[in-house]
């Protein structure tokens, strides 16, 4: 079963779990299984059109799915999917 790692800021929407095992054959199926189980996560991961939000990065093992087959990327039972929300950097330092 692929495992999805939940980042700390989103754990409150996933019953405080740091990881969730899902049954899926693609990254998209895995994310759908996750958001089906923890529906509050959906609005944090997907926009109103049902697309992954631009600030949400998803990795299969250590590979960014944007450079693979995106949500159609196949997964196996031993795979780990990581959700990594982008964090805005600090402002310019005046000096």
Protein backbone atom coordinates (compact mmCIF):
# COMPACT_ATOMS: atom_id res chain seq x y z
CA UNK A 1 0.00 0.00 0.00
CA UNK A 2 1.47 3.39 -0.91
CA UNK A 3 2.00 5.70 2.04
CA UNK A 4 1.20 9.41 1.93
CA UNK A 5 3.22 11.63 4.26
CA UNK A 6 1.15 14.48 5.69
CA UNK A 7 3.04 17.73 6.40
CA UNK A 8 2.68 19.23 9.87
CA UNK A 9 0.44 22.18 8.82
CA UNK A 10 -2.10 19.78 7.25
CA UNK A 11 -2.19 17.12 9.97
CA UNK A 12 -5.02 18.88 11.77
CA UNK A 13 -7.19 18.01 8.74
CA UNK A 14 -6.10 14.35 8.75
CA UNK A 15 -6.92 13.39 12.34
CA UNK A 16 -3.38 14.43 13.33
CA UNK A 17 -1.87 11.57 11.30
CA UNK A 18 1.65 12.10 9.99
CA UNK A 19 1.13 9.40 7.35
CA UNK A 20 -1.79 7.53 5.79
CA UNK A 21 -1.70 4.25 3.87
CA UNK A 22 -3.99 4.11 0.84
CA UNK A 23 -4.92 1.64 -1.87
CA UNK A 24 -4.15 3.13 -5.26
CA UNK A 25 -2.44 2.51 -8.58
CA UNK A 26 -1.65 6.17 -9.41
CA UNK A 27 -0.73 9.29 -7.46
CA UNK A 28 -4.12 10.80 -8.34
CA UNK A 29 -5.97 7.76 -6.99
CA UNK A 30 -3.88 7.92 -3.83
CA UNK A 31 -4.69 11.59 -3.27
CA UNK A 32 -8.37 10.92 -3.97
CA UNK A 33 -8.35 8.10 -1.41
CA UNK A 34 -6.70 10.43 1.10
CA UNK A 35 -9.16 13.28 0.56
CA UNK A 36 -12.07 10.84 0.53
CA UNK A 37 -11.04 9.68 3.98
CA UNK A 38 -10.15 13.17 5.24
CA UNK A 39 -12.46 15.50 3.34
CA UNK A 40 -11.22 18.71 4.99
CA UNK A 41 -7.89 18.17 3.23
CA UNK A 42 -9.45 18.53 -0.21
CA UNK A 43 -9.83 22.33 -0.03
CA UNK A 44 -6.19 22.67 1.02
CA UNK A 45 -4.87 20.50 -1.81
CA UNK A 46 -7.24 21.26 -4.71
CA UNK A 47 -8.71 24.42 -6.21
CA UNK A 48 -12.37 24.86 -7.19
CA UNK A 49 -11.67 23.31 -10.61
CA UNK A 50 -10.38 20.13 -8.97
CA UNK A 51 -6.72 20.74 -9.87
CA UNK A 52 -3.87 20.55 -7.41
CA UNK A 53 -3.17 24.00 -6.04
CA UNK A 54 -0.08 25.64 -7.51
CA UNK A 55 1.61 25.89 -4.10
CA UNK A 56 1.16 22.18 -3.35
CA UNK A 57 4.10 20.06 -4.48
CA UNK A 58 3.72 16.30 -4.60
CA UNK A 59 6.64 13.88 -4.69
CA UNK A 60 6.69 10.17 -5.41
CA UNK A 61 9.59 8.91 -3.36
CA UNK A 62 12.02 11.77 -4.15
CA UNK A 63 10.71 12.68 -7.61
CA UNK A 64 8.48 15.69 -8.26
CA UNK A 65 5.38 14.33 -10.04
CA UNK A 66 5.34 17.42 -12.30
CA UNK A 67 8.37 15.91 -14.05
CA UNK A 68 6.85 12.43 -14.20
CA UNK A 69 3.27 11.80 -15.33
CA UNK A 70 1.71 14.21 -12.82
CA UNK A 71 -1.30 12.61 -11.11
CA UNK A 72 -1.26 9.74 -13.62
CA UNK A 73 2.12 8.61 -12.27
CA UNK A 74 1.87 4.93 -11.30
CA UNK A 75 2.52 3.91 -7.70
CA UNK A 76 3.47 0.59 -6.14
CA UNK A 77 2.90 -0.76 -2.67
CA UNK A 78 6.37 0.26 -1.48
CA UNK A 79 6.11 3.88 -2.66
CA UNK A 80 5.93 6.98 -0.50
CA UNK A 81 4.04 10.07 -1.60
CA UNK A 82 5.01 13.36 0.05
CA UNK A 83 2.84 16.46 0.08
CA UNK A 84 5.01 19.55 0.39
CA UNK A 85 3.23 22.90 0.55
CA UNK A 86 5.35 25.80 -0.71
CA UNK A 87 6.21 28.29 1.96
CA UNK A 88 6.65 31.92 1.05
CA UNK A 89 10.07 33.30 1.82
CA UNK A 90 10.89 36.33 3.91
CA UNK A 91 10.91 39.84 2.66
CA UNK A 92 13.88 41.81 1.42
CA UNK A 93 16.28 42.96 4.02
CA UNK A 94 16.70 46.69 3.88
CA UNK A 95 20.28 47.65 4.16
